[in-house]
Amino acid sequence: MNEAGFDADNELMCDGRDLPWLQDDAGVWDTWGVTYRDVWVLDANNELVGVFNLTGNTMGDPQNYAAVRALFELASE
């Protein structure tokens, strides 16, 4: 989810991509306590499965990749 007030390049960010891109216009960042570069994984019922922050946790590290993948796999159950 893109932080409120940072929507100027949304169209460019979404051009040619299939991943969902959400724009926060309702203050969700504040309500949820989001940190920049958080990956929030929700299940089919919109229940939080887990949060993984990409700052300092590069996806080039196999352990970090496995941790994020495990969140998505858990969410898909």
PDB file of N, CA and C in Angstrom:
ATOM      1  N   MET A   1       0.849  -1.167   0.000  1.00  0.00           N
ATOM      2  CA  MET A   1       0.000   0.000   0.000  1.00  0.00           C
ATOM      3  C   MET A   1       0.896   1.230   0.000  1.00  0.00           C
ATOM      4  N   ASN A   2       0.553   2.148  -0.848  1.00  0.00           N
ATOM      5  CA  ASN A   2       1.310   3.385  -0.954  1.00  0.00           C
ATOM      6  C   ASN A   2       0.808   4.387   0.084  1.00  0.00           C
ATOM      7  N   GLU A   3       1.753   5.017   0.768  1.00  0.00           N
ATOM      8  CA  GLU A   3       1.404   5.959   1.833  1.00  0.00           C
ATOM      9  C   GLU A   3       0.624   7.154   1.291  1.00  0.00           C
ATOM     10  N   ALA A   4      -0.327   7.633   2.070  1.00  0.00           N
ATOM     11  CA  ALA A   4      -1.111   8.816   1.705  1.00  0.00           C
ATOM     12  C   ALA A   4      -0.178   9.981   1.420  1.00  0.00           C
ATOM     13  N   GLY A   5      -0.489  10.704   0.343  1.00  0.00           N
ATOM     14  CA  GLY A   5       0.306  11.856  -0.033  1.00  0.00           C
ATOM     15  C   GLY A   5       1.440  11.540  -0.984  1.00  0.00           C
ATOM     16  N   PHE A   6       1.632  10.271  -1.310  1.00  0.00           N
ATOM     17  CA  PHE A   6       2.712   9.863  -2.207  1.00  0.00           C
ATOM     18  C   PHE A   6       2.145   9.194  -3.461  1.00  0.00           C
ATOM     19  N   ASP A   7       1.096   9.767  -4.002  1.00  0.00           N
ATOM     20  CA  ASP A   7       0.394   9.157  -5.126  1.00  0.00           C
ATOM     21  C   ASP A   7       0.783   9.708  -6.489  1.00  0.00           C
ATOM     22  N   ALA A   8       1.731  10.622  -6.568  1.00  0.00           N
ATOM     23  CA  ALA A   8       2.063  11.292  -7.828  1.00  0.00           C
ATOM     24  C   ALA A   8       2.502  10.325  -8.926  1.00  0.00           C
ATOM     25  N   ASP A   9       3.189   9.246  -8.586  1.00  0.00           N
ATOM     26  CA  ASP A   9       3.699   8.320  -9.600  1.00  0.00           C
ATOM     27  C   ASP A   9       2.976   6.980  -9.619  1.00  0.00           C
ATOM     28  N   ASN A  10       1.762   6.921  -9.089  1.00  0.00           N
ATOM     29  CA  ASN A  10       1.026   5.662  -9.069  1.00  0.00           C
ATOM     30  C   ASN A  10       0.843   5.067 -10.462  1.00  0.00           C
ATOM     31  N   GLU A  11       0.493   5.895 -11.422  1.00  0.00           N
ATOM     32  CA  GLU A  11       0.267   5.393 -12.782  1.00  0.00           C
ATOM     33  C   GLU A  11       1.545   4.783 -13.346  1.00  0.00           C
ATOM     34  N   LEU A  12       2.655   5.447 -13.138  1.00  0.00           N
ATOM     35  CA  LEU A  12       3.945   4.942 -13.608  1.00  0.00           C
ATOM     36  C   LEU A  12       4.298   3.636 -12.896  1.00  0.00           C
ATOM     37  N   MET A  13       4.054   3.557 -11.600  1.00  0.00           N
ATOM     38  CA  MET A  13       4.370   2.359 -10.824  1.00  0.00           C
ATOM     39  C   MET A  13       3.570   1.147 -11.317  1.00  0.00           C
ATOM     40  N   CYS A  14       2.345   1.371 -11.766  1.00  0.00           N
ATOM     41  CA  CYS A  14       1.460   0.277 -12.156  1.00  0.00           C
ATOM     42  C   CYS A  14       1.569  -0.087 -13.638  1.00  0.00           C
ATOM     43  N   ASP A  15       2.186   0.769 -14.424  1.00  0.00           N
ATOM     44  CA  ASP A  15       2.265   0.552 -15.870  1.00  0.00           C
ATOM     45  C   ASP A  15       2.970  -0.764 -16.199  1.00  0.00           C
ATOM     46  N   GLY A  16       2.242  -1.665 -16.868  1.00  0.00           N
ATOM     47  CA  GLY A  16       2.803  -2.936 -17.305  1.00  0.00           C
ATOM     48  C   GLY A  16       2.961  -3.984 -16.222  1.00  0.00           C
ATOM     49  N   ARG A  17       2.379  -3.753 -15.053  1.00  0.00           N
ATOM     50  CA  ARG A  17       2.501  -4.709 -13.946  1.00  0.00           C
ATOM     51  C   ARG A  17       1.145  -5.319 -13.603  1.00  0.00           C
ATOM     52  N   ASP A  18       1.187  -6.544 -13.085  1.00  0.00           N
ATOM     53  CA  ASP A  18      -0.036  -7.247 -12.707  1.00  0.00           C
ATOM     54  C   ASP A  18      -0.291  -7.266 -11.206  1.00  0.00           C
ATOM     55  N   LEU A  19       0.699  -6.877 -10.403  1.00  0.00           N
ATOM     56  CA  LEU A  19       0.523  -6.907  -8.955  1.00  0.00           C
ATOM     57  C   LEU A  19      -0.416  -5.795  -8.507  1.00  0.00           C
ATOM     58  N   PRO A  20      -1.209  -6.059  -7.479  1.00  0.00           N
ATOM     59  CA  PRO A  20      -2.103  -5.005  -6.984  1.00  0.00           C
ATOM     60  C   PRO A  20      -1.315  -3.859  -6.357  1.00  0.00           C
ATOM     61  N   TRP A  21      -1.840  -2.666  -6.513  1.00  0.00           N
ATOM     62  CA  TRP A  21      -1.212  -1.475  -5.930  1.00  0.00           C
ATOM     63  C   TRP A  21      -2.312  -0.685  -5.264  1.00  0.00           C
ATOM     64  N   LEU A  22      -2.228  -0.530  -3.970  1.00  0.00           N
ATOM     65  CA  LEU A  22      -3.260   0.172  -3.215  1.00  0.00           C
ATOM     66  C   LEU A  22      -2.757   1.538  -2.781  1.00  0.00           C
ATOM     67  N   GLN A  23      -3.614   2.524  -2.896  1.00  0.00           N
ATOM     68  CA  GLN A  23      -3.281   3.868  -2.461  1.00  0.00           C
ATOM     69  C   GLN A  23      -4.036   4.172  -1.188  1.00  0.00           C
ATOM     70  N   ASP A  24      -3.312   4.475  -0.130  1.00  0.00           N
ATOM     71  CA  ASP A  24      -3.927   4.822   1.148  1.00  0.00           C
ATOM     72  C   ASP A  24      -4.440   6.255   1.090  1.00  0.00           C
ATOM     73  N   ASP A  25      -5.737   6.399   1.153  1.00  0.00           N
ATOM     74  CA  ASP A  25      -6.368   7.715   1.220  1.00  0.00           C
ATOM     75  C   ASP A  25      -7.157   7.876   2.525  1.00  0.00           C
ATOM     76  N   ALA A  26      -7.109   6.835   3.378  1.00  0.00           N
ATOM     77  CA  ALA A  26      -7.949   6.834   4.577  1.00  0.00           C
ATOM     78  C   ALA A  26      -7.147   6.759   5.874  1.00  0.00           C
ATOM     79  N   GLY A  27      -5.828   6.885   5.803  1.00  0.00           N
ATOM     80  CA  GLY A  27      -5.026   6.857   7.024  1.00  0.00           C
ATOM     81  C   GLY A  27      -4.735   5.474   7.559  1.00  0.00           C
ATOM     82  N   VAL A  28      -4.763   4.460   6.698  1.00  0.00           N
ATOM     83  CA  VAL A  28      -4.511   3.089   7.132  1.00  0.00           C
ATOM     84  C   VAL A  28      -3.094   2.938   7.684  1.00  0.00           C
ATOM     85  N   TRP A  29      -2.136   3.620   7.086  1.00  0.00           N
ATOM     86  CA  TRP A  29      -0.753   3.536   7.584  1.00  0.00           C
ATOM     87  C   TRP A  29      -0.712   3.866   9.068  1.00  0.00           C
ATOM     88  N   ASP A  30      -1.396   4.921   9.459  1.00  0.00           N
ATOM     89  CA  ASP A  30      -1.395   5.323  10.865  1.00  0.00           C
ATOM     90  C   ASP A  30      -2.165   4.338  11.730  1.00  0.00           C
ATOM     91  N   THR A  31      -3.314   3.899  11.259  1.00  0.00           N
ATOM     92  CA  THR A  31      -4.156   2.973  12.016  1.00  0.00           C
ATOM     93  C   THR A  31      -3.449   1.636  12.244  1.00  0.00           C
ATOM     94  N   TRP A  32      -2.793   1.122  11.204  1.00  0.00           N
ATOM     95  CA  TRP A  32      -2.128  -0.177  11.298  1.00  0.00           C
ATOM     96  C   TRP A  32      -0.714  -0.075  11.863  1.00  0.00           C
ATOM     97  N   GLY A  33      -0.133   1.108  11.884  1.00  0.00           N
ATOM     98  CA  GLY A  33       1.247   1.250  12.334  1.00  0.00           C
ATOM     99  C   GLY A  33       2.252   0.758  11.316  1.00  0.00           C
ATOM    100  N   VAL A  34       1.982   1.044  10.053  1.00  0.00           N
ATOM    101  CA  VAL A  34       2.840   0.601   8.957  1.00  0.00           C
ATOM    102  C   VAL A  34       4.184   1.327   9.003  1.00  0.00           C
ATOM    103  N   THR A  35       5.226   0.604   8.653  1.00  0.00           N
ATOM    104  CA  THR A  35       6.568   1.158   8.474  1.00  0.00           C
ATOM    105  C   THR A  35       6.906   1.066   6.993  1.00  0.00           C
ATOM    106  N   TYR A  36       7.623   2.068   6.494  1.00  0.00           N
ATOM    107  CA  TYR A  36       8.033   2.083   5.089  1.00  0.00           C
ATOM    108  C   TYR A  36       8.696   0.763   4.705  1.00  0.00           C
ATOM    109  N   ARG A  37       8.274   0.200   3.589  1.00  0.00           N
ATOM    110  CA  ARG A  37       8.763  -1.051   2.999  1.00  0.00           C
ATOM    111  C   ARG A  37       8.297  -2.296   3.747  1.00  0.00           C
ATOM    112  N   ASP A  38       7.204  -2.186   4.493  1.00  0.00           N
ATOM    113  CA  ASP A  38       6.583  -3.360   5.093  1.00  0.00           C
ATOM    114  C   ASP A  38       5.847  -4.158   4.024  1.00  0.00           C
ATOM    115  N   VAL A  39       5.915  -5.458   4.144  1.00  0.00           N
ATOM    116  CA  VAL A  39       5.073  -6.365   3.366  1.00  0.00           C
ATOM    117  C   VAL A  39       4.072  -6.945   4.353  1.00  0.00           C
ATOM    118  N   TRP A  40       2.812  -6.561   4.177  1.00  0.00           N
ATOM    119  CA  TRP A  40       1.740  -7.080   5.027  1.00  0.00           C
ATOM    120  C   TRP A  40       1.024  -8.165   4.238  1.00  0.00           C
ATOM    121  N   VAL A  41       0.963  -9.353   4.783  1.00  0.00           N
ATOM    122  CA  VAL A  41       0.325 -10.476   4.109  1.00  0.00           C
ATOM    123  C   VAL A  41      -0.987 -10.789   4.818  1.00  0.00           C
ATOM    124  N   LEU A  42      -2.066 -10.731   4.056  1.00  0.00           N
ATOM    125  CA  LEU A  42      -3.406 -11.024   4.561  1.00  0.00           C
ATOM    126  C   LEU A  42      -3.913 -12.300   3.930  1.00  0.00           C
ATOM    127  N   ASP A  43      -4.754 -13.043   4.648  1.00  0.00           N
ATOM    128  CA  ASP A  43      -5.341 -14.254   4.084  1.00  0.00           C
ATOM    129  C   ASP A  43      -6.627 -13.921   3.334  1.00  0.00           C
ATOM    130  N   ALA A  44      -7.336 -14.937   2.898  1.00  0.00           N
ATOM    131  CA  ALA A  44      -8.563 -14.750   2.114  1.00  0.00           C
ATOM    132  C   ALA A  44      -9.654 -14.031   2.902  1.00  0.00           C
ATOM    133  N   ASN A  45      -9.559 -14.034   4.235  1.00  0.00           N
ATOM    134  CA  ASN A  45     -10.539 -13.352   5.081  1.00  0.00           C
ATOM    135  C   ASN A  45     -10.050 -11.969   5.530  1.00  0.00           C
ATOM    136  N   ASN A  46      -8.984 -11.499   4.902  1.00  0.00           N
ATOM    137  CA  ASN A  46      -8.356 -10.217   5.260  1.00  0.00           C
ATOM    138  C   ASN A  46      -7.824 -10.193   6.688  1.00  0.00           C
ATOM    139  N   GLU A  47      -7.461 -11.370   7.189  1.00  0.00           N
ATOM    140  CA  GLU A  47      -6.820 -11.485   8.501  1.00  0.00           C
ATOM    141  C   GLU A  47      -5.314 -11.412   8.295  1.00  0.00           C
ATOM    142  N   LEU A  48      -4.637 -10.708   9.167  1.00  0.00           N
ATOM    143  CA  LEU A  48      -3.195 -10.561   9.059  1.00  0.00           C
ATOM    144  C   LEU A  48      -2.493 -11.886   9.334  1.00  0.00           C
ATOM    145  N   VAL A  49      -1.667 -12.300   8.393  1.00  0.00           N
ATOM    146  CA  VAL A  49      -0.852 -13.502   8.544  1.00  0.00           C
ATOM    147  C   VAL A  49       0.517 -13.120   9.102  1.00  0.00           C
ATOM    148  N   GLY A  50       1.064 -12.008   8.607  1.00  0.00           N
ATOM    149  CA  GLY A  50       2.357 -11.568   9.099  1.00  0.00           C
ATOM    150  C   GLY A  50       2.843 -10.324   8.393  1.00  0.00           C
ATOM    151  N   VAL A  51       3.890  -9.737   8.944  1.00  0.00           N
ATOM    152  CA  VAL A  51       4.504  -8.528   8.401  1.00  0.00           C
ATOM    153  C   VAL A  51       5.997  -8.791   8.267  1.00  0.00           C
ATOM    154  N   PHE A  52       6.548  -8.382   7.141  1.00  0.00           N
ATOM    155  CA  PHE A  52       7.983  -8.534   6.904  1.00  0.00           C
ATOM    156  C   PHE A  52       8.476  -7.234   6.301  1.00  0.00           C
ATOM    157  N   ASN A  53       9.494  -6.628   6.906  1.00  0.00           N
ATOM    158  CA  ASN A  53      10.011  -5.363   6.394  1.00  0.00           C
ATOM    159  C   ASN A  53      11.215  -5.619   5.497  1.00  0.00           C
ATOM    160  N   LEU A  54      11.195  -5.003   4.318  1.00  0.00           N
ATOM    161  CA  LEU A  54      12.250  -5.215   3.337  1.00  0.00           C
ATOM    162  C   LEU A  54      13.477  -4.331   3.541  1.00  0.00           C
ATOM    163  N   THR A  55      13.383  -3.338   4.398  1.00  0.00           N
ATOM    164  CA  THR A  55      14.547  -2.503   4.673  1.00  0.00           C
ATOM    165  C   THR A  55      15.516  -3.308   5.538  1.00  0.00           C
ATOM    166  N   GLY A  56      16.670  -3.562   4.998  1.00  0.00           N
ATOM    167  CA  GLY A  56      17.662  -4.358   5.717  1.00  0.00           C
ATOM    168  C   GLY A  56      17.441  -5.853   5.607  1.00  0.00           C
ATOM    169  N   ASN A  57      16.372  -6.271   4.949  1.00  0.00           N
ATOM    170  CA  ASN A  57      16.069  -7.693   4.753  1.00  0.00           C
ATOM    171  C   ASN A  57      15.911  -7.951   3.261  1.00  0.00           C
ATOM    172  N   THR A  58      17.008  -7.906   2.542  1.00  0.00           N
ATOM    173  CA  THR A  58      16.981  -8.035   1.092  1.00  0.00           C
ATOM    174  C   THR A  58      16.431  -9.393   0.640  1.00  0.00           C
ATOM    175  N   MET A  59      15.727  -9.380  -0.451  1.00  0.00           N
ATOM    176  CA  MET A  59      15.207 -10.619  -1.012  1.00  0.00           C
ATOM    177  C   MET A  59      16.305 -11.444  -1.666  1.00  0.00           C
ATOM    178  N   GLY A  60      17.502 -10.869  -1.795  1.00  0.00           N
ATOM    179  CA  GLY A  60      18.642 -11.622  -2.297  1.00  0.00           C
ATOM    180  C   GLY A  60      19.186 -12.618  -1.286  1.00  0.00           C
ATOM    181  N   ASP A  61      18.794 -12.479  -0.030  1.00  0.00           N
ATOM    182  CA  ASP A  61      19.191 -13.403   1.024  1.00  0.00           C
ATOM    183  C   ASP A  61      18.184 -14.556   1.038  1.00  0.00           C
ATOM    184  N   PRO A  62      18.638 -15.791   0.818  1.00  0.00           N
ATOM    185  CA  PRO A  62      17.716 -16.937   0.762  1.00  0.00           C
ATOM    186  C   PRO A  62      16.838 -17.102   2.003  1.00  0.00           C
ATOM    187  N   GLN A  63      17.359 -16.754   3.169  1.00  0.00           N
ATOM    188  CA  GLN A  63      16.556 -16.885   4.393  1.00  0.00           C
ATOM    189  C   GLN A  63      15.413 -15.873   4.406  1.00  0.00           C
ATOM    190  N   ASN A  64      15.681 -14.657   3.963  1.00  0.00           N
ATOM    191  CA  ASN A  64      14.629 -13.642   3.895  1.00  0.00           C
ATOM    192  C   ASN A  64      13.577 -14.022   2.861  1.00  0.00           C
ATOM    193  N   TYR A  65      14.036 -14.479   1.718  1.00  0.00           N
ATOM    194  CA  TYR A  65      13.109 -14.910   0.665  1.00  0.00           C
ATOM    195  C   TYR A  65      12.212 -16.029   1.192  1.00  0.00           C
ATOM    196  N   ALA A  66      12.805 -16.993   1.868  1.00  0.00           N
ATOM    197  CA  ALA A  66      12.038 -18.127   2.411  1.00  0.00           C
ATOM    198  C   ALA A  66      11.029 -17.650   3.455  1.00  0.00           C
ATOM    199  N   ALA A  67      11.401 -16.668   4.262  1.00  0.00           N
ATOM    200  CA  ALA A  67      10.486 -16.160   5.285  1.00  0.00           C
ATOM    201  C   ALA A  67       9.269 -15.490   4.668  1.00  0.00           C
ATOM    202  N   VAL A  68       9.487 -14.669   3.651  1.00  0.00           N
ATOM    203  CA  VAL A  68       8.356 -14.008   2.982  1.00  0.00           C
ATOM    204  C   VAL A  68       7.509 -15.028   2.242  1.00  0.00           C
ATOM    205  N   ARG A  69       8.149 -15.952   1.564  1.00  0.00           N
ATOM    206  CA  ARG A  69       7.410 -16.995   0.847  1.00  0.00           C
ATOM    207  C   ARG A  69       6.537 -17.808   1.812  1.00  0.00           C
ATOM    208  N   ALA A  70       7.075 -18.108   2.981  1.00  0.00           N
ATOM    209  CA  ALA A  70       6.308 -18.861   3.972  1.00  0.00           C
ATOM    210  C   ALA A  70       5.062 -18.098   4.410  1.00  0.00           C
ATOM    211  N   LEU A  71       5.156 -16.774   4.527  1.00  0.00           N
ATOM    212  CA  LEU A  71       3.974 -15.974   4.870  1.00  0.00           C
ATOM    213  C   LEU A  71       2.897 -16.111   3.793  1.00  0.00           C
ATOM    214  N   PHE A  72       3.313 -16.010   2.526  1.00  0.00           N
ATOM    215  CA  PHE A  72       2.346 -16.138   1.436  1.00  0.00           C
ATOM    216  C   PHE A  72       1.743 -17.547   1.370  1.00  0.00           C
ATOM    217  N   GLU A  73       2.564 -18.546   1.620  1.00  0.00           N
ATOM    218  CA  GLU A  73       2.055 -19.919   1.618  1.00  0.00           C
ATOM    219  C   GLU A  73       1.073 -20.135   2.759  1.00  0.00           C
ATOM    220  N   LEU A  74       1.372 -19.588   3.921  1.00  0.00           N
ATOM    221  CA  LEU A  74       0.458 -19.695   5.059  1.00  0.00           C
ATOM    222  C   LEU A  74      -0.862 -18.985   4.747  1.00  0.00           C
ATOM    223  N   ALA A  75      -0.779 -17.854   4.098  1.00  0.00           N
ATOM    224  CA  ALA A  75      -1.988 -17.108   3.746  1.00  0.00           C
ATOM    225  C   ALA A  75      -2.853 -17.842   2.738  1.00  0.00           C
ATOM    226  N   SER A  76      -2.243 -18.684   1.930  1.00  0.00           N
ATOM    227  CA  SER A  76      -2.995 -19.381   0.880  1.00  0.00           C
ATOM    228  C   SER A  76      -3.688 -20.648   1.375  1.00  0.00           C
ATOM    229  N   GLU A  77      -3.409 -21.051   2.613  1.00  0.00           N
ATOM    230  CA  GLU A  77      -4.008 -22.285   3.158  1.00  0.00           C
ATOM    231  C   GLU A  77      -5.472 -22.119   3.445  1.00  0.00           C
TER     232      GLU A  77
END
